[in-house]
Amino acid sequence: LVFHELESAWAVEVIRGVENAVREEGLSIVLSESAER
């Protein structure tokens, strides 16, 4: 899961949705923020 930037409540809502989906599939999340603009 790659974000352009990770610094707001907006990102938290996205992470929650991804977590809901991967939990059903037995997957783990690798979270990163792109260094480039």
PDB file of all heavy atoms in Angstrom:
ATOM      1  N   LEU A   1       0.861  -1.183   0.000  1.00  0.00           N
ATOM      2  CA  LEU A   1       0.000   0.000   0.000  1.00  0.00           C
ATOM      3  C   LEU A   1       0.896   1.230   0.000  1.00  0.00           C
ATOM      4  O   LEU A   1       1.650   1.455   0.953  1.00  0.00           O
ATOM      5  CB  LEU A   1      -0.922  -0.003   1.222  1.00  0.00           C
ATOM      6  CG  LEU A   1      -1.833   1.214   1.416  1.00  0.00           C
ATOM      7  CD1 LEU A   1      -2.752   1.413   0.212  1.00  0.00           C
ATOM      8  CD2 LEU A   1      -2.655   1.060   2.690  1.00  0.00           C
ATOM      9  N   VAL A   2       0.839   2.003  -1.081  1.00  0.00           N
ATOM     10  CA  VAL A   2       1.757   3.118  -1.278  1.00  0.00           C
ATOM     11  C   VAL A   2       0.988   4.432  -1.310  1.00  0.00           C
ATOM     12  O   VAL A   2       0.079   4.611  -2.134  1.00  0.00           O
ATOM     13  CB  VAL A   2       2.547   2.961  -2.595  1.00  0.00           C
ATOM     14  CG1 VAL A   2       3.626   4.030  -2.703  1.00  0.00           C
ATOM     15  CG2 VAL A   2       3.156   1.575  -2.692  1.00  0.00           C
ATOM     16  N   PHE A   3       1.349   5.340  -0.424  1.00  0.00           N
ATOM     17  CA  PHE A   3       0.744   6.668  -0.388  1.00  0.00           C
ATOM     18  C   PHE A   3       1.701   7.702  -0.964  1.00  0.00           C
ATOM     19  O   PHE A   3       2.919   7.587  -0.818  1.00  0.00           O
ATOM     20  CB  PHE A   3       0.430   7.079   1.059  1.00  0.00           C
ATOM     21  CG  PHE A   3      -0.792   6.431   1.640  1.00  0.00           C
ATOM     22  CD1 PHE A   3      -0.688   5.213   2.294  1.00  0.00           C
ATOM     23  CD2 PHE A   3      -2.036   7.026   1.529  1.00  0.00           C
ATOM     24  CE1 PHE A   3      -1.801   4.606   2.850  1.00  0.00           C
ATOM     25  CE2 PHE A   3      -3.157   6.430   2.068  1.00  0.00           C
ATOM     26  CZ  PHE A   3      -3.046   5.219   2.732  1.00  0.00           C
ATOM     27  N   HIS A   4       1.115   8.733  -1.568  1.00  0.00           N
ATOM     28  CA  HIS A   4       1.909   9.898  -1.947  1.00  0.00           C
ATOM     29  C   HIS A   4       2.411  10.591  -0.688  1.00  0.00           C
ATOM     30  O   HIS A   4       3.557  11.023  -0.596  1.00  0.00           O
ATOM     31  CB  HIS A   4       1.056  10.844  -2.792  1.00  0.00           C
ATOM     32  CG  HIS A   4       1.678  12.184  -3.029  1.00  0.00           C
ATOM     33  ND1 HIS A   4       2.915  12.343  -3.612  1.00  0.00           N
ATOM     34  CD2 HIS A   4       1.247  13.430  -2.723  1.00  0.00           C
ATOM     35  CE1 HIS A   4       3.197  13.624  -3.678  1.00  0.00           C
ATOM     36  NE2 HIS A   4       2.210  14.301  -3.140  1.00  0.00           N
ATOM     37  N   GLU A   5       1.532  10.706   0.325  1.00  0.00           N
ATOM     38  CA  GLU A   5       1.920  11.235   1.622  1.00  0.00           C
ATOM     39  C   GLU A   5       1.032  10.637   2.700  1.00  0.00           C
ATOM     40  O   GLU A   5      -0.125  10.310   2.455  1.00  0.00           O
ATOM     41  CB  GLU A   5       1.841  12.768   1.644  1.00  0.00           C
ATOM     42  CG  GLU A   5       0.466  13.320   1.297  1.00  0.00           C
ATOM     43  CD  GLU A   5       0.456  14.836   1.253  1.00  0.00           C
ATOM     44  OE1 GLU A   5       1.534  15.442   1.132  1.00  0.00           O
ATOM     45  OE2 GLU A   5      -0.635  15.407   1.345  1.00  0.00           O
ATOM     46  N   LEU A   6       1.603  10.508   3.876  1.00  0.00           N
ATOM     47  CA  LEU A   6       0.928   9.844   4.983  1.00  0.00           C
ATOM     48  C   LEU A   6       0.852  10.800   6.172  1.00  0.00           C
ATOM     49  O   LEU A   6       1.662  10.715   7.078  1.00  0.00           O
ATOM     50  CB  LEU A   6       1.730   8.612   5.396  1.00  0.00           C
ATOM     51  CG  LEU A   6       1.244   7.243   4.955  1.00  0.00           C
ATOM     52  CD1 LEU A   6       2.260   6.187   5.343  1.00  0.00           C
ATOM     53  CD2 LEU A   6      -0.095   6.924   5.575  1.00  0.00           C
ATOM     54  N   GLU A   7      -0.112  11.719   6.159  1.00  0.00           N
ATOM     55  CA  GLU A   7      -0.114  12.663   7.269  1.00  0.00           C
ATOM     56  C   GLU A   7      -1.494  13.216   7.596  1.00  0.00           C
ATOM     57  O   GLU A   7      -1.617  14.305   8.121  1.00  0.00           O
ATOM     58  CB  GLU A   7       0.843  13.823   6.978  1.00  0.00           C
ATOM     59  CG  GLU A   7       0.549  14.560   5.693  1.00  0.00           C
ATOM     60  CD  GLU A   7       1.487  15.741   5.461  1.00  0.00           C
ATOM     61  OE1 GLU A   7       2.704  15.579   5.555  1.00  0.00           O
ATOM     62  OE2 GLU A   7       0.961  16.828   5.188  1.00  0.00           O
ATOM     63  N   SER A   8      -2.541  12.482   7.311  1.00  0.00           N
ATOM     64  CA  SER A   8      -3.858  13.030   7.617  1.00  0.00           C
ATOM     65  C   SER A   8      -4.843  11.916   7.945  1.00  0.00           C
ATOM     66  O   SER A   8      -4.586  10.733   7.729  1.00  0.00           O
ATOM     67  CB  SER A   8      -4.388  13.846   6.428  1.00  0.00           C
ATOM     68  OG  SER A   8      -4.812  12.994   5.384  1.00  0.00           O
ATOM     69  N   ALA A   9      -6.001  12.361   8.472  1.00  0.00           N
ATOM     70  CA  ALA A   9      -7.080  11.423   8.773  1.00  0.00           C
ATOM     71  C   ALA A   9      -7.590  10.754   7.500  1.00  0.00           C
ATOM     72  O   ALA A   9      -8.166   9.666   7.550  1.00  0.00           O
ATOM     73  CB  ALA A   9      -8.213  12.159   9.478  1.00  0.00           C
ATOM     74  N   TRP A  10      -7.393  11.387   6.369  1.00  0.00           N
ATOM     75  CA  TRP A  10      -7.782  10.822   5.071  1.00  0.00           C
ATOM     76  C   TRP A  10      -7.091   9.475   4.865  1.00  0.00           C
ATOM     77  O   TRP A  10      -7.715   8.490   4.481  1.00  0.00           O
ATOM     78  CB  TRP A  10      -7.387  11.813   3.979  1.00  0.00           C
ATOM     79  CG  TRP A  10      -7.905  11.553   2.611  1.00  0.00           C
ATOM     80  CD1 TRP A  10      -9.037  12.054   2.039  1.00  0.00           C
ATOM     81  CD2 TRP A  10      -7.288  10.729   1.604  1.00  0.00           C
ATOM     82  NE1 TRP A  10      -9.166  11.594   0.749  1.00  0.00           N
ATOM     83  CE2 TRP A  10      -8.106  10.786   0.454  1.00  0.00           C
ATOM     84  CE3 TRP A  10      -6.135   9.956   1.566  1.00  0.00           C
ATOM     85  CZ2 TRP A  10      -7.804  10.102  -0.716  1.00  0.00           C
ATOM     86  CZ3 TRP A  10      -5.833   9.265   0.397  1.00  0.00           C
ATOM     87  CH2 TRP A  10      -6.663   9.342  -0.721  1.00  0.00           C
ATOM     88  N   ALA A  11      -5.777   9.436   5.152  1.00  0.00           N
ATOM     89  CA  ALA A  11      -5.017   8.197   4.966  1.00  0.00           C
ATOM     90  C   ALA A  11      -5.510   7.104   5.903  1.00  0.00           C
ATOM     91  O   ALA A  11      -5.521   5.920   5.535  1.00  0.00           O
ATOM     92  CB  ALA A  11      -3.525   8.463   5.189  1.00  0.00           C
ATOM     93  N   VAL A  12      -5.918   7.483   7.107  1.00  0.00           N
ATOM     94  CA  VAL A  12      -6.399   6.491   8.075  1.00  0.00           C
ATOM     95  C   VAL A  12      -7.629   5.767   7.534  1.00  0.00           C
ATOM     96  O   VAL A  12      -7.771   4.543   7.680  1.00  0.00           O
ATOM     97  CB  VAL A  12      -6.724   7.167   9.425  1.00  0.00           C
ATOM     98  CG1 VAL A  12      -7.393   6.178  10.381  1.00  0.00           C
ATOM     99  CG2 VAL A  12      -5.454   7.731  10.047  1.00  0.00           C
ATOM    100  N   GLU A  13      -8.538   6.503   6.885  1.00  0.00           N
ATOM    101  CA  GLU A  13      -9.742   5.883   6.325  1.00  0.00           C
ATOM    102  C   GLU A  13      -9.383   4.896   5.213  1.00  0.00           C
ATOM    103  O   GLU A  13     -10.002   3.834   5.090  1.00  0.00           O
ATOM    104  CB  GLU A  13     -10.692   6.963   5.791  1.00  0.00           C
ATOM    105  CG  GLU A  13     -11.251   7.892   6.858  1.00  0.00           C
ATOM    106  CD  GLU A  13     -11.990   7.125   7.931  1.00  0.00           C
ATOM    107  OE1 GLU A  13     -12.973   6.449   7.597  1.00  0.00           O
ATOM    108  OE2 GLU A  13     -11.570   7.194   9.104  1.00  0.00           O
ATOM    109  N   VAL A  14      -8.395   5.237   4.406  1.00  0.00           N
ATOM    110  CA  VAL A  14      -7.955   4.332   3.339  1.00  0.00           C
ATOM    111  C   VAL A  14      -7.338   3.065   3.936  1.00  0.00           C
ATOM    112  O   VAL A  14      -7.645   1.941   3.509  1.00  0.00           O
ATOM    113  CB  VAL A  14      -6.950   5.045   2.412  1.00  0.00           C
ATOM    114  CG1 VAL A  14      -6.321   4.047   1.425  1.00  0.00           C
ATOM    115  CG2 VAL A  14      -7.642   6.170   1.648  1.00  0.00           C
ATOM    116  N   ILE A  15      -6.455   3.236   4.913  1.00  0.00           N
ATOM    117  CA  ILE A  15      -5.820   2.074   5.546  1.00  0.00           C
ATOM    118  C   ILE A  15      -6.873   1.156   6.154  1.00  0.00           C
ATOM    119  O   ILE A  15      -6.778  -0.073   6.063  1.00  0.00           O
ATOM    120  CB  ILE A  15      -4.807   2.539   6.614  1.00  0.00           C
ATOM    121  CG1 ILE A  15      -3.643   3.270   5.946  1.00  0.00           C
ATOM    122  CG2 ILE A  15      -4.290   1.349   7.419  1.00  0.00           C
ATOM    123  CD1 ILE A  15      -2.725   3.971   6.924  1.00  0.00           C
ATOM    124  N   ARG A  16      -7.896   1.746   6.762  1.00  0.00           N
ATOM    125  CA  ARG A  16      -8.964   0.938   7.364  1.00  0.00           C
ATOM    126  C   ARG A  16      -9.652   0.074   6.294  1.00  0.00           C
ATOM    127  O   ARG A  16      -9.930  -1.111   6.529  1.00  0.00           O
ATOM    128  CB  ARG A  16      -9.988   1.849   8.037  1.00  0.00           C
ATOM    129  CG  ARG A  16     -11.153   1.088   8.674  1.00  0.00           C
ATOM    130  CD  ARG A  16     -12.100   2.028   9.407  1.00  0.00           C
ATOM    131  NE  ARG A  16     -11.461   2.585  10.593  1.00  0.00           N
ATOM    132  CZ  ARG A  16     -11.221   3.882  10.776  1.00  0.00           C
ATOM    133  NH1 ARG A  16     -11.566   4.752   9.849  1.00  0.00           N
ATOM    134  NH2 ARG A  16     -10.644   4.309  11.875  1.00  0.00           N
ATOM    135  N   GLY A  17      -9.922   0.647   5.130  1.00  0.00           N
ATOM    136  CA  GLY A  17     -10.573  -0.120   4.071  1.00  0.00           C
ATOM    137  C   GLY A  17      -9.706  -1.241   3.547  1.00  0.00           C
ATOM    138  O   GLY A  17     -10.185  -2.359   3.315  1.00  0.00           O
ATOM    139  N   VAL A  18      -8.409  -0.970   3.352  1.00  0.00           N
ATOM    140  CA  VAL A  18      -7.491  -2.018   2.882  1.00  0.00           C
ATOM    141  C   VAL A  18      -7.389  -3.130   3.914  1.00  0.00           C
ATOM    142  O   VAL A  18      -7.420  -4.318   3.589  1.00  0.00           O
ATOM    143  CB  VAL A  18      -6.102  -1.422   2.578  1.00  0.00           C
ATOM    144  CG1 VAL A  18      -5.105  -2.524   2.233  1.00  0.00           C
ATOM    145  CG2 VAL A  18      -6.194  -0.414   1.430  1.00  0.00           C
ATOM    146  N   GLU A  19      -7.294  -2.753   5.179  1.00  0.00           N
ATOM    147  CA  GLU A  19      -7.198  -3.739   6.255  1.00  0.00           C
ATOM    148  C   GLU A  19      -8.443  -4.623   6.301  1.00  0.00           C
ATOM    149  O   GLU A  19      -8.350  -5.845   6.494  1.00  0.00           O
ATOM    150  CB  GLU A  19      -7.008  -3.021   7.594  1.00  0.00           C
ATOM    151  CG  GLU A  19      -6.933  -3.947   8.797  1.00  0.00           C
ATOM    152  CD  GLU A  19      -5.742  -4.870   8.780  1.00  0.00           C
ATOM    153  OE1 GLU A  19      -4.685  -4.481   8.242  1.00  0.00           O
ATOM    154  OE2 GLU A  19      -5.863  -5.998   9.287  1.00  0.00           O
ATOM    155  N   ASN A  20      -9.616  -4.039   6.089  1.00  0.00           N
ATOM    156  CA  ASN A  20     -10.852  -4.827   6.063  1.00  0.00           C
ATOM    157  C   ASN A  20     -10.789  -5.916   4.997  1.00  0.00           C
ATOM    158  O   ASN A  20     -11.221  -7.054   5.218  1.00  0.00           O
ATOM    159  CB  ASN A  20     -12.057  -3.924   5.791  1.00  0.00           C
ATOM    160  CG  ASN A  20     -12.390  -3.016   6.957  1.00  0.00           C
ATOM    161  OD1 ASN A  20     -11.933  -3.227   8.076  1.00  0.00           O
ATOM    162  ND2 ASN A  20     -13.182  -1.986   6.694  1.00  0.00           N
ATOM    163  N   ALA A  21     -10.248  -5.556   3.830  1.00  0.00           N
ATOM    164  CA  ALA A  21     -10.217  -6.510   2.712  1.00  0.00           C
ATOM    165  C   ALA A  21      -9.134  -7.571   2.889  1.00  0.00           C
ATOM    166  O   ALA A  21      -9.368  -8.748   2.620  1.00  0.00           O
ATOM    167  CB  ALA A  21     -10.021  -5.760   1.394  1.00  0.00           C
ATOM    168  N   VAL A  22      -7.932  -7.176   3.323  1.00  0.00           N
ATOM    169  CA  VAL A  22      -6.848  -8.160   3.403  1.00  0.00           C
ATOM    170  C   VAL A  22      -7.059  -9.117   4.568  1.00  0.00           C
ATOM    171  O   VAL A  22      -6.572 -10.255   4.534  1.00  0.00           O
ATOM    172  CB  VAL A  22      -5.460  -7.488   3.522  1.00  0.00           C
ATOM    173  CG1 VAL A  22      -5.184  -6.610   2.321  1.00  0.00           C
ATOM    174  CG2 VAL A  22      -5.320  -6.700   4.821  1.00  0.00           C
ATOM    175  N   ARG A  23      -7.781  -8.669   5.586  1.00  0.00           N
ATOM    176  CA  ARG A  23      -8.037  -9.546   6.733  1.00  0.00           C
ATOM    177  C   ARG A  23      -8.766 -10.810   6.286  1.00  0.00           C
ATOM    178  O   ARG A  23      -8.490 -11.908   6.766  1.00  0.00           O
ATOM    179  CB  ARG A  23      -8.855  -8.798   7.784  1.00  0.00           C
ATOM    180  CG  ARG A  23      -8.988  -9.561   9.112  1.00  0.00           C
ATOM    181  CD  ARG A  23      -9.883  -8.811  10.079  1.00  0.00           C
ATOM    182  NE  ARG A  23      -9.431  -7.458  10.316  1.00  0.00           N
ATOM    183  CZ  ARG A  23     -10.153  -6.375  10.036  1.00  0.00           C
ATOM    184  NH1 ARG A  23     -11.346  -6.483   9.485  1.00  0.00           N
ATOM    185  NH2 ARG A  23      -9.683  -5.173  10.306  1.00  0.00           N
ATOM    186  N   GLU A  24      -9.693 -10.649   5.338  1.00  0.00           N
ATOM    187  CA  GLU A  24     -10.455 -11.791   4.836  1.00  0.00           C
ATOM    188  C   GLU A  24      -9.579 -12.752   4.032  1.00  0.00           C
ATOM    189  O   GLU A  24      -9.917 -13.922   3.872  1.00  0.00           O
ATOM    190  CB  GLU A  24     -11.595 -11.292   3.944  1.00  0.00           C
ATOM    191  CG  GLU A  24     -12.562 -10.339   4.642  1.00  0.00           C
ATOM    192  CD  GLU A  24     -13.521  -9.693   3.656  1.00  0.00           C
ATOM    193  OE1 GLU A  24     -13.449 -10.032   2.454  1.00  0.00           O
ATOM    194  OE2 GLU A  24     -14.334  -8.845   4.083  1.00  0.00           O
ATOM    195  N   GLU A  25      -8.454 -12.246   3.507  1.00  0.00           N
ATOM    196  CA  GLU A  25      -7.608 -13.051   2.619  1.00  0.00           C
ATOM    197  C   GLU A  25      -6.352 -13.570   3.307  1.00  0.00           C
ATOM    198  O   GLU A  25      -5.551 -14.261   2.679  1.00  0.00           O
ATOM    199  CB  GLU A  25      -7.195 -12.200   1.408  1.00  0.00           C
ATOM    200  CG  GLU A  25      -8.372 -11.645   0.602  1.00  0.00           C
ATOM    201  CD  GLU A  25      -9.158 -12.734  -0.090  1.00  0.00           C
ATOM    202  OE1 GLU A  25      -8.565 -13.809  -0.338  1.00  0.00           O
ATOM    203  OE2 GLU A  25     -10.341 -12.515  -0.400  1.00  0.00           O
ATOM    204  N   GLY A  26      -6.148 -13.211   4.572  1.00  0.00           N
ATOM    205  CA  GLY A  26      -4.959 -13.664   5.279  1.00  0.00           C
ATOM    206  C   GLY A  26      -3.687 -12.992   4.809  1.00  0.00           C
ATOM    207  O   GLY A  26      -2.595 -13.561   4.929  1.00  0.00           O
ATOM    208  N   LEU A  27      -3.803 -11.775   4.284  1.00  0.00           N
ATOM    209  CA  LEU A  27      -2.635 -11.032   3.813  1.00  0.00           C
ATOM    210  C   LEU A  27      -2.224  -9.988   4.848  1.00  0.00           C
ATOM    211  O   LEU A  27      -3.033  -9.536   5.657  1.00  0.00           O
ATOM    212  CB  LEU A  27      -2.935 -10.332   2.488  1.00  0.00           C
ATOM    213  CG  LEU A  27      -3.370 -11.202   1.317  1.00  0.00           C
ATOM    214  CD1 LEU A  27      -3.713 -10.340   0.112  1.00  0.00           C
ATOM    215  CD2 LEU A  27      -2.271 -12.192   0.965  1.00  0.00           C
ATOM    216  N   SER A  28      -0.962  -9.586   4.796  1.00  0.00           N
ATOM    217  CA  SER A  28      -0.445  -8.493   5.605  1.00  0.00           C
ATOM    218  C   SER A  28      -0.160  -7.298   4.712  1.00  0.00           C
ATOM    219  O   SER A  28       0.065  -7.442   3.508  1.00  0.00           O
ATOM    220  CB  SER A  28       0.838  -8.914   6.335  1.00  0.00           C
ATOM    221  OG  SER A  28       0.585  -9.993   7.206  1.00  0.00           O
ATOM    222  N   ILE A  29      -0.144  -6.103   5.306  1.00  0.00           N
ATOM    223  CA  ILE A  29       0.064  -4.867   4.553  1.00  0.00           C
ATOM    224  C   ILE A  29       1.500  -4.384   4.733  1.00  0.00           C
ATOM    225  O   ILE A  29       2.018  -4.326   5.847  1.00  0.00           O
ATOM    226  CB  ILE A  29      -0.896  -3.756   5.019  1.00  0.00           C
ATOM    227  CG1 ILE A  29      -2.351  -4.185   4.816  1.00  0.00           C
ATOM    228  CG2 ILE A  29      -0.621  -2.455   4.276  1.00  0.00           C
ATOM    229  CD1 ILE A  29      -3.350  -3.217   5.424  1.00  0.00           C
ATOM    230  N   VAL A  30       2.137  -4.030   3.617  1.00  0.00           N
ATOM    231  CA  VAL A  30       3.404  -3.306   3.640  1.00  0.00           C
ATOM    232  C   VAL A  30       3.077  -1.872   3.271  1.00  0.00           C
ATOM    233  O   VAL A  30       2.629  -1.585   2.159  1.00  0.00           O
ATOM    234  CB  VAL A  30       4.422  -3.896   2.648  1.00  0.00           C
ATOM    235  CG1 VAL A  30       5.693  -3.051   2.628  1.00  0.00           C
ATOM    236  CG2 VAL A  30       4.749  -5.330   3.003  1.00  0.00           C
ATOM    237  N   LEU A  31       3.270  -0.945   4.210  1.00  0.00           N
ATOM    238  CA  LEU A  31       2.861   0.448   4.036  1.00  0.00           C
ATOM    239  C   LEU A  31       4.077   1.309   3.747  1.00  0.00           C
ATOM    240  O   LEU A  31       5.091   1.226   4.448  1.00  0.00           O
ATOM    241  CB  LEU A  31       2.168   0.926   5.318  1.00  0.00           C
ATOM    242  CG  LEU A  31       1.534   2.308   5.319  1.00  0.00           C
ATOM    243  CD1 LEU A  31       0.426   2.397   4.291  1.00  0.00           C
ATOM    244  CD2 LEU A  31       0.992   2.613   6.723  1.00  0.00           C
ATOM    245  N   SER A  32       3.986   2.143   2.714  1.00  0.00           N
ATOM    246  CA  SER A  32       5.109   3.020   2.396  1.00  0.00           C
ATOM    247  C   SER A  32       4.607   4.348   1.847  1.00  0.00           C
ATOM    248  O   SER A  32       3.458   4.472   1.401  1.00  0.00           O
ATOM    249  CB  SER A  32       6.066   2.357   1.393  1.00  0.00           C
ATOM    250  OG  SER A  32       5.397   2.053   0.186  1.00  0.00           O
ATOM    251  N   GLU A  33       5.489   5.337   1.891  1.00  0.00           N
ATOM    252  CA  GLU A  33       5.205   6.669   1.381  1.00  0.00           C
ATOM    253  C   GLU A  33       6.212   6.956   0.289  1.00  0.00           C
ATOM    254  O   GLU A  33       7.413   6.789   0.479  1.00  0.00           O
ATOM    255  CB  GLU A  33       5.322   7.696   2.515  1.00  0.00           C
ATOM    256  CG  GLU A  33       4.992   9.112   2.114  1.00  0.00           C
ATOM    257  CD  GLU A  33       5.098  10.064   3.295  1.00  0.00           C
ATOM    258  OE1 GLU A  33       5.921   9.808   4.193  1.00  0.00           O
ATOM    259  OE2 GLU A  33       4.359  11.052   3.329  1.00  0.00           O
ATOM    260  N   SER A  34       5.741   7.385  -0.876  1.00  0.00           N
ATOM    261  CA  SER A  34       6.665   7.605  -1.983  1.00  0.00           C
ATOM    262  C   SER A  34       7.557   8.803  -1.683  1.00  0.00           C
ATOM    263  O   SER A  34       7.095   9.847  -1.241  1.00  0.00           O
ATOM    264  CB  SER A  34       5.901   7.819  -3.298  1.00  0.00           C
ATOM    265  OG  SER A  34       5.092   8.974  -3.238  1.00  0.00           O
ATOM    266  N   ALA A  35       8.848   8.639  -1.919  1.00  0.00           N
ATOM    267  CA  ALA A  35       9.799   9.713  -1.628  1.00  0.00           C
ATOM    268  C   ALA A  35       9.721  10.810  -2.677  1.00  0.00           C
ATOM    269  O   ALA A  35       9.939  11.977  -2.390  1.00  0.00           O
ATOM    270  CB  ALA A  35      11.214   9.138  -1.567  1.00  0.00           C
ATOM    271  N   GLU A  36       9.397  10.438  -3.918  1.00  0.00           N
ATOM    272  CA  GLU A  36       9.325  11.424  -4.982  1.00  0.00           C
ATOM    273  C   GLU A  36       8.030  12.214  -4.882  1.00  0.00           C
ATOM    274  O   GLU A  36       7.073  11.799  -4.243  1.00  0.00           O
ATOM    275  CB  GLU A  36       9.419  10.742  -6.350  1.00  0.00           C
ATOM    276  CG  GLU A  36      10.806  10.243  -6.702  1.00  0.00           C
ATOM    277  CD  GLU A  36      11.188   9.002  -5.930  1.00  0.00           C
ATOM    278  OE1 GLU A  36      10.301   8.345  -5.357  1.00  0.00           O
ATOM    279  OE2 GLU A  36      12.380   8.704  -5.881  1.00  0.00           O
ATOM    280  N   ARG A  37       7.988  13.359  -5.560  1.00  0.00           N
ATOM    281  CA  ARG A  37       6.849  14.265  -5.412  1.00  0.00           C
ATOM    282  C   ARG A  37       5.565  13.671  -5.968  1.00  0.00           C
ATOM    283  O   ARG A  37       4.514  13.787  -5.363  1.00  0.00           O
ATOM    284  CB  ARG A  37       7.152  15.600  -6.110  1.00  0.00           C
ATOM    285  CG  ARG A  37       6.006  16.597  -6.001  1.00  0.00           C
ATOM    286  CD  ARG A  37       6.426  17.981  -6.379  1.00  0.00           C
ATOM    287  NE  ARG A  37       5.319  18.901  -6.319  1.00  0.00           N
ATOM    288  CZ  ARG A  37       4.818  19.438  -5.216  1.00  0.00           C
ATOM    289  NH1 ARG A  37       5.333  19.124  -4.067  1.00  0.00           N
ATOM    290  NH2 ARG A  37       3.814  20.289  -5.261  1.00  0.00           N
TER     291      ARG A  37
END
